[in-house]
Protein backbone atom coordinates (compact mmCIF):
# COMPACT_ATOMS: atom_id res chain seq x y z
CA MET A 1 14.29 38.92 -23.33
CA ARG A 2 12.80 37.39 -26.48
CA ARG A 3 16.10 36.85 -28.18
CA THR A 4 17.53 34.96 -25.21
CA THR A 5 14.39 32.85 -25.07
CA LEU A 6 14.87 31.83 -28.66
CA ALA A 7 18.53 31.10 -28.02
CA ALA A 8 17.63 28.94 -25.04
CA LEU A 9 15.13 27.00 -27.10
CA CYS A 10 17.68 26.40 -29.81
CA VAL A 11 20.32 25.27 -27.32
CA ALA A 12 17.90 22.83 -25.74
CA ALA A 13 16.44 21.59 -28.99
CA ALA A 14 19.43 21.77 -31.29
CA ALA A 15 21.90 20.25 -28.84
CA THR A 16 19.70 17.17 -28.82
CA ALA A 17 17.90 17.82 -32.09
CA THR A 18 16.43 14.66 -33.46
CA LEU A 19 14.65 14.96 -36.72
CA THR A 20 14.09 11.52 -38.07
CA GLY A 21 14.01 10.05 -41.51
CA CYS A 22 10.95 8.47 -43.04
CA LEU A 23 9.24 5.69 -41.16
CA PRO A 24 10.16 2.39 -42.75
CA GLY A 25 7.23 0.49 -44.19
CA THR A 26 5.62 -2.37 -42.34
CA ASP A 27 5.93 -5.83 -43.89
CA LYS A 28 2.77 -7.91 -43.61
CA ALA A 29 2.15 -11.50 -44.61
CA ASP A 30 0.38 -11.78 -47.95
CA SER A 31 -2.79 -13.73 -47.30
CA GLN A 32 -2.89 -14.71 -51.00
CA SER A 33 0.68 -16.01 -51.16
CA THR A 34 1.63 -19.64 -50.72
CA ALA A 35 0.86 -20.78 -47.20
CA GLY A 36 3.70 -21.12 -44.74
CA SER A 37 6.32 -19.38 -46.85
CA GLN A 38 6.02 -16.12 -44.89
CA SER A 39 7.65 -16.33 -41.48
CA LYS A 40 5.99 -15.00 -38.38
CA ALA A 41 8.90 -12.62 -37.82
CA ASP A 42 8.35 -11.00 -41.21
CA SER A 43 4.78 -10.08 -40.25
CA LYS A 44 5.92 -7.88 -37.34
CA PRO A 45 6.36 -4.14 -37.83
CA LYS A 46 9.94 -3.02 -38.15
CA GLU A 47 11.33 -0.60 -35.61
CA PRO A 48 11.35 3.03 -36.76
CA PHE A 49 14.60 4.13 -38.36
CA ALA A 50 15.96 0.62 -38.31
CA GLY A 51 19.74 0.53 -38.49
CA LEU A 52 20.18 4.24 -37.74
CA THR A 53 22.02 5.58 -34.72
CA GLY A 54 20.58 8.34 -32.58
CA GLY A 55 22.97 10.83 -34.19
CA GLU A 56 21.91 9.80 -37.69
CA ILE A 57 18.26 10.18 -36.73
CA ALA A 58 19.11 13.62 -35.37
CA GLU A 59 20.61 14.68 -38.70
CA ARG A 60 17.49 13.63 -40.57
CA ALA A 61 15.33 15.35 -38.00
CA MET A 62 17.13 18.66 -38.29
CA GLU A 63 16.88 18.58 -42.07
CA ALA A 64 13.14 17.92 -41.93
CA THR A 65 12.44 20.60 -39.35
CA ARG A 66 14.46 23.21 -41.26
CA SER A 67 12.25 22.52 -44.28
CA ALA A 68 9.08 23.61 -42.46
CA SER A 69 7.46 26.85 -43.61
CA SER A 70 5.79 27.44 -40.23
CA LEU A 71 5.34 25.86 -36.81
CA ARG A 72 4.08 26.51 -33.30
CA LEU A 73 6.18 26.60 -30.12
CA THR A 74 4.48 25.86 -26.80
CA GLY A 75 6.12 25.48 -23.41
CA GLU A 76 8.64 27.20 -21.20
CA MET A 77 12.32 28.06 -21.18
CA GLN A 78 14.79 29.81 -18.91
CA ASP A 79 15.34 33.52 -19.60
CA ASP A 80 19.03 34.43 -19.39
CA GLN A 81 18.47 38.09 -18.59
CA SER A 82 16.04 37.74 -15.68
CA ASP A 83 16.82 34.17 -14.54
CA GLY A 84 13.07 33.68 -14.64
CA THR A 85 10.99 31.29 -16.71
CA ILE A 86 9.30 32.39 -19.90
CA GLN A 87 6.11 30.66 -20.94
CA MET A 88 5.22 30.84 -24.62
CA ASP A 89 2.62 29.74 -27.11
CA ILE A 90 3.61 31.22 -30.45
CA ALA A 91 3.14 30.31 -34.10
CA LEU A 92 5.75 31.67 -36.51
CA SER A 93 6.63 31.38 -40.17
CA LYS A 94 9.47 31.91 -42.61
CA LYS A 95 7.57 34.93 -43.89
CA GLY A 96 8.37 36.60 -40.57
CA GLU A 97 4.81 36.35 -39.27
CA CYS A 98 3.98 35.37 -35.71
CA ALA A 99 1.01 35.28 -33.36
CA GLY A 100 0.73 34.10 -29.81
CA THR A 101 1.32 34.83 -26.14
CA MET A 102 4.26 35.10 -23.76
CA SER A 103 4.62 35.57 -20.00
CA LEU A 104 7.46 35.69 -17.49
CA ASP A 105 7.15 33.49 -14.39
CA SER A 106 3.41 33.25 -15.15
CA GLU A 107 3.00 36.88 -14.08
CA GLY A 108 0.51 38.26 -16.56
CA LYS A 109 0.44 37.84 -20.31
CA LEU A 110 1.69 39.58 -23.44
CA GLU A 111 -0.17 38.93 -26.68
CA LEU A 112 1.74 39.62 -29.87
CA ILE A 113 1.13 39.59 -33.59
CA LYS A 114 3.61 40.45 -36.32
CA THR A 115 2.47 40.93 -39.88
CA GLY A 116 4.47 42.76 -42.52
CA ASP A 117 6.68 45.36 -40.86
CA THR A 118 4.35 45.95 -37.93
CA LEU A 119 4.43 44.37 -34.50
CA TYR A 120 1.22 44.47 -32.44
CA MET A 121 1.30 43.85 -28.69
CA LYS A 122 -1.30 43.80 -25.91
CA TYR A 123 -0.32 43.60 -22.24
CA ASP A 124 -2.54 42.72 -19.32
CA GLU A 125 -2.26 44.58 -16.01
CA ASP A 126 -0.37 41.80 -14.18
CA PHE A 127 2.28 41.71 -16.88
CA LEU A 128 2.79 45.48 -16.83
CA ARG A 129 3.00 45.62 -13.04
CA ALA A 130 5.45 42.73 -12.91
CA GLN A 131 7.70 44.31 -15.52
CA GLY A 132 7.48 47.71 -13.85
CA THR A 133 8.46 46.28 -10.47
CA GLU A 134 11.32 44.40 -12.11
CA GLU A 135 12.61 47.63 -13.64
CA THR A 136 12.27 49.44 -10.26
CA ASP A 137 9.82 52.01 -11.61
CA SER A 138 7.93 54.00 -8.99
CA GLU A 139 4.39 52.99 -8.12
CA ALA A 140 3.07 56.14 -9.76
CA GLU A 141 4.96 55.40 -12.97
CA VAL A 142 3.64 51.83 -13.05
CA ASP A 143 0.08 53.04 -12.43
CA ALA A 144 0.41 55.49 -15.32
CA VAL A 145 1.64 52.79 -17.69
CA VAL A 146 -1.14 50.43 -16.61
CA ASP A 147 -3.78 53.11 -17.17
CA MET A 148 -2.41 53.84 -20.63
CA LEU A 149 -1.68 50.35 -21.94
CA ALA A 150 -3.40 47.55 -20.01
CA GLY A 151 -5.77 45.55 -22.21
CA LYS A 152 -5.16 47.74 -25.27
CA TRP A 153 -3.55 46.81 -28.56
CA THR A 154 -0.41 48.76 -29.44
CA LYS A 155 1.74 48.75 -32.54
CA MET A 156 5.35 49.48 -33.46
CA SER A 157 7.33 49.36 -36.67
CA THR A 158 9.76 46.42 -36.74
CA THR A 159 12.27 48.61 -38.51
CA GLY A 160 12.99 50.35 -35.20
CA SER A 161 15.80 49.23 -32.90
CA ASP A 162 13.43 48.72 -29.96
CA THR A 163 11.80 45.74 -31.66
CA ASP A 164 14.88 43.93 -32.98
CA GLY A 165 14.58 41.08 -30.49
CA LEU A 166 10.91 40.40 -31.08
CA ALA A 167 11.25 40.74 -34.85
CA ASP A 168 14.02 38.13 -34.78
CA PHE A 169 11.95 35.86 -32.58
CA CYS A 170 9.10 35.97 -35.10
CA ASP A 171 11.41 34.90 -37.94
CA LEU A 172 11.34 31.12 -38.31
CA ASP A 173 14.43 31.21 -40.52
CA SER A 174 16.36 32.80 -37.63
CA ALA A 175 15.07 30.17 -35.24
CA LEU A 176 15.88 27.22 -37.46
CA SER A 177 19.31 28.56 -38.41
CA GLU A 178 20.39 27.46 -34.93
CA PHE A 179 19.68 23.87 -36.00
CA GLU A 180 22.57 23.90 -38.48
CA ASN A 181 25.96 22.34 -37.87
CA VAL A 182 24.93 20.70 -34.61
CA ASP A 183 26.62 17.48 -33.56
CA SER A 184 24.56 15.03 -31.54
CA ASN A 185 25.60 11.95 -29.60
CA ALA A 186 21.97 11.09 -28.87
CA GLU A 187 21.05 7.52 -28.01
CA ARG A 188 17.91 5.81 -29.24
CA GLY A 189 15.17 5.34 -26.69
CA GLU A 190 11.67 3.96 -26.57
CA THR A 191 8.79 4.71 -28.91
CA THR A 192 5.89 6.76 -27.60
CA THR A 193 3.42 9.41 -28.75
CA VAL A 194 3.37 13.21 -28.48
CA ASP A 195 -0.16 14.58 -28.60
CA GLY A 196 -1.22 11.45 -30.44
CA THR A 197 1.64 11.47 -32.97
CA PRO A 198 3.91 8.36 -32.93
CA ALA A 199 7.45 9.32 -31.94
CA ILE A 200 10.84 7.96 -31.02
CA VAL A 201 12.71 9.22 -27.97
CA LEU A 202 16.34 10.26 -28.24
CA ASN A 203 18.38 10.84 -25.09
CA GLU A 204 21.55 12.89 -24.84
CA ARG A 205 23.86 13.71 -21.98
CA GLU A 206 26.76 16.09 -21.58
CA GLY A 207 28.36 16.03 -18.17
CA LYS A 208 25.55 16.36 -15.64
CA ASP A 209 23.11 17.75 -18.21
CA ARG A 210 20.37 15.54 -19.61
CA SER A 211 18.20 16.25 -22.62
CA THR A 212 15.43 14.35 -24.34
CA VAL A 213 13.83 14.92 -27.71
CA TYR A 214 10.88 13.32 -29.42
CA VAL A 215 10.84 12.84 -33.19
CA ALA A 216 7.89 11.91 -35.41
CA THR A 217 8.10 8.42 -36.87
CA GLU A 218 5.28 8.88 -39.37
CA GLY A 219 5.34 11.35 -42.22
CA LYS A 220 8.25 13.79 -42.13
CA PRO A 221 10.56 13.30 -39.14
CA TYR A 222 9.73 16.56 -37.44
CA LEU A 223 10.93 17.45 -33.98
CA LEU A 224 7.86 17.20 -31.72
CA ARG A 225 9.21 18.01 -28.27
CA ALA A 226 12.50 18.99 -26.63
CA VAL A 227 13.12 18.70 -22.89
CA SER A 228 16.32 20.06 -21.38
CA LYS A 229 17.35 19.28 -17.80
CA SER A 230 20.42 21.43 -18.08
CA ALA A 231 21.10 23.55 -15.00
CA LYS A 232 21.89 26.49 -17.28
CA ASP A 233 19.12 26.12 -19.87
CA PRO A 234 16.22 24.08 -18.49
CA GLY A 235 13.08 23.95 -20.57
CA ASP A 236 10.30 21.95 -22.13
CA ILE A 237 9.10 22.97 -25.61
CA THR A 238 6.56 21.29 -27.88
CA LEU A 239 6.66 21.93 -31.64
CA SER A 240 3.44 21.45 -33.59
CA ASP A 241 1.22 22.81 -36.40
CA TYR A 242 3.94 22.32 -39.00
CA ASN A 243 3.26 24.18 -42.28
CA LYS A 244 -0.08 25.54 -41.07
CA PRO A 245 -1.02 29.19 -41.73
CA VAL A 246 -0.06 31.56 -38.91
CA PRO A 247 -3.12 33.55 -37.70
CA ALA A 248 -1.27 36.87 -38.01
CA GLU A 249 -3.99 39.40 -38.71
CA ALA A 250 -3.88 43.02 -37.56
CA PRO A 251 -6.20 43.66 -34.59
CA LYS A 252 -9.49 45.36 -35.36
CA GLY A 253 -10.56 48.51 -33.57
CA LYS A 254 -8.43 51.16 -31.92
CA VAL A 255 -4.68 50.51 -31.80
CA LEU A 256 -2.24 52.78 -29.95
CA ASP A 257 0.70 53.81 -32.12
CA LEU A 258 3.72 53.65 -29.82
CA ASP A 259 6.01 55.11 -32.48
CA ALA A 260 3.85 58.20 -32.71
CA MET A 261 3.77 58.40 -28.92
CA GLY A 262 7.54 58.34 -28.77
CA GLY A 263 8.05 54.71 -27.96
């Protein structure tokens, strides 16, 4: 489930990936220069990424985003395995750390933290019951799992095969590797803001699919948001908290060791 979520994000974001170059400086009239020599046109701010095509902006954007040491993903994407929608709010780093929450079709919540070679997870009752029903477990089996796990922190070693998908999801290098060698025919759009950050909109279409990405026009040209209206991979993901520490600390108190319990 987690691996396909990451793949969906990368398809939506990388297919339209728009990581911009540096914002050109703004020319202003020099109040101490000789009067009248500065034209009114010169005093207006230049458009961001002047002279660059949408595809060229995309190349700069991908390069900038790949350089990030950490970031946060918030939003929702289609899950290929269940055909449901996964909601996520996860911070991850190139050190392989992650911390955040996930849910499927808004049915309950899974909290997860990965630090070192250990993955910690806490499920609420709604999440466990939804997953149990999906896997056609009996009511008694679901009740037993809920009694054992609901609201409790668990841990697993990421060296085990059962955690391969989540371990990969927590690896920012794995996520950003999907941004390499991506061609974009994106077209420049309007300027706007994403959570207060100035951005340029890039639009891309392929057949009936439509995608939109938002790229920062100040500071590094990070990808700020990716919206896919693809019938196969719809989604809306916001990227934020670039290069900020990931709050990946092991939970305090009692933690159930799933490896010791046999899985």
